[in-house]
């Protein structure tokens, strides 16, 4: 089970819709995610989340 409550809403939506880029692994997003949503978006470096 993965806790998605600390992730930015648009990132959670992308996870649920299976629209994250192929190079993004869910586990990498939920292990010690940055507290700021903007930093989370920078971590995945995907223009659709800016």
PDB file of N, CA and C in Angstrom:
ATOM      1  N   UNK A   1       0.841  -1.165   0.000  1.00  0.00           N
ATOM      2  CA  UNK A   1       0.000   0.000   0.000  1.00  0.00           C
ATOM      3  C   UNK A   1       0.890   1.234   0.000  1.00  0.00           C
ATOM      4  N   UNK A   2       0.505   2.227  -0.774  1.00  0.00           N
ATOM      5  CA  UNK A   2       1.285   3.448  -0.902  1.00  0.00           C
ATOM      6  C   UNK A   2       0.436   4.618  -0.433  1.00  0.00           C
ATOM      7  N   UNK A   3       1.023   5.463   0.405  1.00  0.00           N
ATOM      8  CA  UNK A   3       0.334   6.645   0.912  1.00  0.00           C
ATOM      9  C   UNK A   3       0.576   7.807  -0.049  1.00  0.00           C
ATOM     10  N   UNK A   4      -0.471   8.248  -0.715  1.00  0.00           N
ATOM     11  CA  UNK A   4      -0.354   9.329  -1.693  1.00  0.00           C
ATOM     12  C   UNK A   4      -0.775  10.677  -1.130  1.00  0.00           C
ATOM     13  N   UNK A   5      -1.102  10.742   0.151  1.00  0.00           N
ATOM     14  CA  UNK A   5      -1.664  11.973   0.717  1.00  0.00           C
ATOM     15  C   UNK A   5      -0.676  13.124   0.790  1.00  0.00           C
ATOM     16  N   UNK A   6       0.605  12.861   0.698  1.00  0.00           N
ATOM     17  CA  UNK A   6       1.590  13.941   0.774  1.00  0.00           C
ATOM     18  C   UNK A   6       2.010  14.446  -0.605  1.00  0.00           C
ATOM     19  N   UNK A   7       1.505  13.823  -1.652  1.00  0.00           N
ATOM     20  CA  UNK A   7       1.867  14.234  -3.001  1.00  0.00           C
ATOM     21  C   UNK A   7       0.921  15.311  -3.526  1.00  0.00           C
ATOM     22  N   UNK A   8       1.428  16.113  -4.447  1.00  0.00           N
ATOM     23  CA  UNK A   8       0.624  17.151  -5.082  1.00  0.00           C
ATOM     24  C   UNK A   8      -0.576  16.517  -5.779  1.00  0.00           C
ATOM     25  N   UNK A   9      -1.722  17.192  -5.734  1.00  0.00           N
ATOM     26  CA  UNK A   9      -2.941  16.620  -6.334  1.00  0.00           C
ATOM     27  C   UNK A   9      -2.795  16.262  -7.816  1.00  0.00           C
ATOM     28  N   UNK A  10      -2.086  17.069  -8.575  1.00  0.00           N
ATOM     29  CA  UNK A  10      -1.930  16.758  -9.998  1.00  0.00           C
ATOM     30  C   UNK A  10      -1.049  15.529 -10.215  1.00  0.00           C
ATOM     31  N   UNK A  11      -0.114  15.287  -9.325  1.00  0.00           N
ATOM     32  CA  UNK A  11       0.715  14.094  -9.423  1.00  0.00           C
ATOM     33  C   UNK A  11      -0.115  12.860  -9.072  1.00  0.00           C
ATOM     34  N   UNK A  12      -0.942  12.976  -8.045  1.00  0.00           N
ATOM     35  CA  UNK A  12      -1.822  11.863  -7.669  1.00  0.00           C
ATOM     36  C   UNK A  12      -2.768  11.536  -8.823  1.00  0.00           C
ATOM     37  N   UNK A  13      -3.308  12.559  -9.449  1.00  0.00           N
ATOM     38  CA  UNK A  13      -4.194  12.349 -10.601  1.00  0.00           C
ATOM     39  C   UNK A  13      -3.463  11.616 -11.714  1.00  0.00           C
ATOM     40  N   UNK A  14      -2.240  12.014 -11.988  1.00  0.00           N
ATOM     41  CA  UNK A  14      -1.456  11.352 -13.034  1.00  0.00           C
ATOM     42  C   UNK A  14      -1.192   9.891 -12.675  1.00  0.00           C
ATOM     43  N   UNK A  15      -0.974   9.619 -11.395  1.00  0.00           N
ATOM     44  CA  UNK A  15      -0.767   8.236 -10.958  1.00  0.00           C
ATOM     45  C   UNK A  15      -2.036   7.434 -11.188  1.00  0.00           C
ATOM     46  N   UNK A  16      -3.159   7.983 -10.769  1.00  0.00           N
ATOM     47  CA  UNK A  16      -4.434   7.274 -10.890  1.00  0.00           C
ATOM     48  C   UNK A  16      -4.848   7.087 -12.346  1.00  0.00           C
ATOM     49  N   UNK A  17      -4.525   8.063 -13.189  1.00  0.00           N
ATOM     50  CA  UNK A  17      -4.869   7.989 -14.614  1.00  0.00           C
ATOM     51  C   UNK A  17      -3.821   7.230 -15.436  1.00  0.00           C
ATOM     52  N   UNK A  18      -2.743   6.812 -14.776  1.00  0.00           N
ATOM     53  CA  UNK A  18      -1.636   6.117 -15.432  1.00  0.00           C
ATOM     54  C   UNK A  18      -1.054   6.950 -16.569  1.00  0.00           C
ATOM     55  N   UNK A  19      -0.834   8.242 -16.282  1.00  0.00           N
ATOM     56  CA  UNK A  19      -0.274   9.140 -17.289  1.00  0.00           C
ATOM     57  C   UNK A  19       1.101   9.677 -16.909  1.00  0.00           C
ATOM     58  N   UNK A  20       1.706   9.109 -15.864  1.00  0.00           N
ATOM     59  CA  UNK A  20       3.077   9.504 -15.533  1.00  0.00           C
ATOM     60  C   UNK A  20       4.002   9.019 -16.636  1.00  0.00           C
ATOM     61  N   UNK A  21       5.080   9.756 -16.889  1.00  0.00           N
ATOM     62  CA  UNK A  21       6.046   9.284 -17.881  1.00  0.00           C
ATOM     63  C   UNK A  21       6.575   7.898 -17.497  1.00  0.00           C
ATOM     64  N   UNK A  22       6.930   7.121 -18.478  1.00  0.00           N
ATOM     65  CA  UNK A  22       7.399   5.753 -18.242  1.00  0.00           C
ATOM     66  C   UNK A  22       8.640   5.677 -17.369  1.00  0.00           C
ATOM     67  N   UNK A  23       9.453   6.736 -17.384  1.00  0.00           N
ATOM     68  CA  UNK A  23      10.687   6.710 -16.611  1.00  0.00           C
ATOM     69  C   UNK A  23      10.473   7.020 -15.126  1.00  0.00           C
ATOM     70  N   UNK A  24       9.251   7.347 -14.726  1.00  0.00           N
ATOM     71  CA  UNK A  24       8.943   7.659 -13.327  1.00  0.00           C
ATOM     72  C   UNK A  24       8.419   6.404 -12.652  1.00  0.00           C
ATOM     73  N   UNK A  25       9.049   6.035 -11.557  1.00  0.00           N
ATOM     74  CA  UNK A  25       8.635   4.875 -10.783  1.00  0.00           C
ATOM     75  C   UNK A  25       7.923   5.371  -9.532  1.00  0.00           C
ATOM     76  N   UNK A  26       6.730   4.865  -9.306  1.00  0.00           N
ATOM     77  CA  UNK A  26       5.909   5.322  -8.188  1.00  0.00           C
ATOM     78  C   UNK A  26       6.672   5.284  -6.870  1.00  0.00           C
ATOM     79  N   UNK A  27       7.410   4.244  -6.633  1.00  0.00           N
ATOM     80  CA  UNK A  27       8.153   4.123  -5.383  1.00  0.00           C
ATOM     81  C   UNK A  27       9.117   5.293  -5.192  1.00  0.00           C
ATOM     82  N   UNK A  28       9.712   5.775  -6.273  1.00  0.00           N
ATOM     83  CA  UNK A  28      10.625   6.914  -6.175  1.00  0.00           C
ATOM     84  C   UNK A  28       9.906   8.193  -5.765  1.00  0.00           C
ATOM     85  N   UNK A  29       8.632   8.289  -6.068  1.00  0.00           N
ATOM     86  CA  UNK A  29       7.865   9.485  -5.700  1.00  0.00           C
ATOM     87  C   UNK A  29       7.438   9.474  -4.241  1.00  0.00           C
ATOM     88  N   UNK A  30       7.186   8.305  -3.701  1.00  0.00           N
ATOM     89  CA  UNK A  30       6.616   8.250  -2.354  1.00  0.00           C
ATOM     90  C   UNK A  30       7.655   8.023  -1.260  1.00  0.00           C
ATOM     91  N   UNK A  31       8.878   7.703  -1.629  1.00  0.00           N
ATOM     92  CA  UNK A  31       9.933   7.544  -0.633  1.00  0.00           C
ATOM     93  C   UNK A  31      10.550   8.916  -0.381  1.00  0.00           C
ATOM     94  N   UNK A  32      10.322   9.439   0.807  1.00  0.00           N
ATOM     95  CA  UNK A  32      10.854  10.728   1.225  1.00  0.00           C
ATOM     96  C   UNK A  32      10.553  11.845   0.223  1.00  0.00           C
ATOM     97  N   UNK A  33       9.273  12.068  -0.069  1.00  0.00           N
ATOM     98  CA  UNK A  33       8.942  13.129  -1.028  1.00  0.00           C
ATOM     99  C   UNK A  33       9.192  14.509  -0.418  1.00  0.00           C
ATOM    100  N   UNK A  34       9.570  15.486  -1.232  1.00  0.00           N
ATOM    101  CA  UNK A  34       9.709  16.850  -0.722  1.00  0.00           C
ATOM    102  C   UNK A  34       8.370  17.336  -0.178  1.00  0.00           C
ATOM    103  N   UNK A  35       8.411  18.177   0.821  1.00  0.00           N
ATOM    104  CA  UNK A  35       7.173  18.699   1.417  1.00  0.00           C
ATOM    105  C   UNK A  35       6.455  19.667   0.475  1.00  0.00           C
ATOM    106  N   UNK A  36       7.212  20.415  -0.290  1.00  0.00           N
ATOM    107  CA  UNK A  36       6.607  21.392  -1.202  1.00  0.00           C
ATOM    108  C   UNK A  36       6.225  20.739  -2.521  1.00  0.00           C
ATOM    109  N   UNK A  37       5.003  20.995  -2.946  1.00  0.00           N
ATOM    110  CA  UNK A  37       4.505  20.383  -4.176  1.00  0.00           C
ATOM    111  C   UNK A  37       5.358  20.774  -5.374  1.00  0.00           C
ATOM    112  N   UNK A  38       5.812  22.014  -5.416  1.00  0.00           N
ATOM    113  CA  UNK A  38       6.626  22.462  -6.547  1.00  0.00           C
ATOM    114  C   UNK A  38       7.924  21.663  -6.625  1.00  0.00           C
ATOM    115  N   UNK A  39       8.495  21.335  -5.479  1.00  0.00           N
ATOM    116  CA  UNK A  39       9.711  20.515  -5.461  1.00  0.00           C
ATOM    117  C   UNK A  39       9.420  19.086  -5.924  1.00  0.00           C
ATOM    118  N   UNK A  40       8.227  18.588  -5.621  1.00  0.00           N
ATOM    119  CA  UNK A  40       7.835  17.265  -6.114  1.00  0.00           C
ATOM    120  C   UNK A  40       7.758  17.282  -7.629  1.00  0.00           C
ATOM    121  N   UNK A  41       7.175  18.344  -8.160  1.00  0.00           N
ATOM    122  CA  UNK A  41       7.055  18.456  -9.621  1.00  0.00           C
ATOM    123  C   UNK A  41       8.432  18.554 -10.269  1.00  0.00           C
ATOM    124  N   UNK A  42       9.344  19.280  -9.634  1.00  0.00           N
ATOM    125  CA  UNK A  42      10.704  19.387 -10.160  1.00  0.00           C
ATOM    126  C   UNK A  42      11.390  18.022 -10.131  1.00  0.00           C
ATOM    127  N   UNK A  43      11.098  17.234  -9.113  1.00  0.00           N
ATOM    128  CA  UNK A  43      11.725  15.915  -8.986  1.00  0.00           C
ATOM    129  C   UNK A  43      11.376  15.032 -10.185  1.00  0.00           C
ATOM    130  N   UNK A  44      10.159  15.104 -10.647  1.00  0.00           N
ATOM    131  CA  UNK A  44       9.792  14.256 -11.782  1.00  0.00           C
ATOM    132  C   UNK A  44      10.092  14.923 -13.129  1.00  0.00           C
ATOM    133  N   UNK A  45      10.390  16.220 -13.073  1.00  0.00           N
ATOM    134  CA  UNK A  45      10.804  16.965 -14.279  1.00  0.00           C
ATOM    135  C   UNK A  45       9.921  16.682 -15.489  1.00  0.00           C
ATOM    136  N   UNK A  46       8.649  16.928 -15.302  1.00  0.00           N
ATOM    137  CA  UNK A  46       7.692  16.696 -16.387  1.00  0.00           C
ATOM    138  C   UNK A  46       6.933  17.991 -16.618  1.00  0.00           C
ATOM    139  N   UNK A  47       6.993  18.539 -17.783  1.00  0.00           N
ATOM    140  CA  UNK A  47       6.379  19.841 -18.055  1.00  0.00           C
ATOM    141  C   UNK A  47       4.869  19.839 -17.864  1.00  0.00           C
ATOM    142  N   UNK A  48       4.234  18.697 -17.914  1.00  0.00           N
ATOM    143  CA  UNK A  48       2.780  18.675 -17.745  1.00  0.00           C
ATOM    144  C   UNK A  48       2.370  18.945 -16.303  1.00  0.00           C
ATOM    145  N   UNK A  49       3.317  18.987 -15.379  1.00  0.00           N
ATOM    146  CA  UNK A  49       3.004  19.248 -13.980  1.00  0.00           C
ATOM    147  C   UNK A  49       3.408  20.634 -13.531  1.00  0.00           C
ATOM    148  N   UNK A  50       3.808  21.513 -14.434  1.00  0.00           N
ATOM    149  CA  UNK A  50       4.237  22.851 -14.054  1.00  0.00           C
ATOM    150  C   UNK A  50       3.119  23.835 -14.204  1.00  0.00           C
TER     151      UNK A  50
END
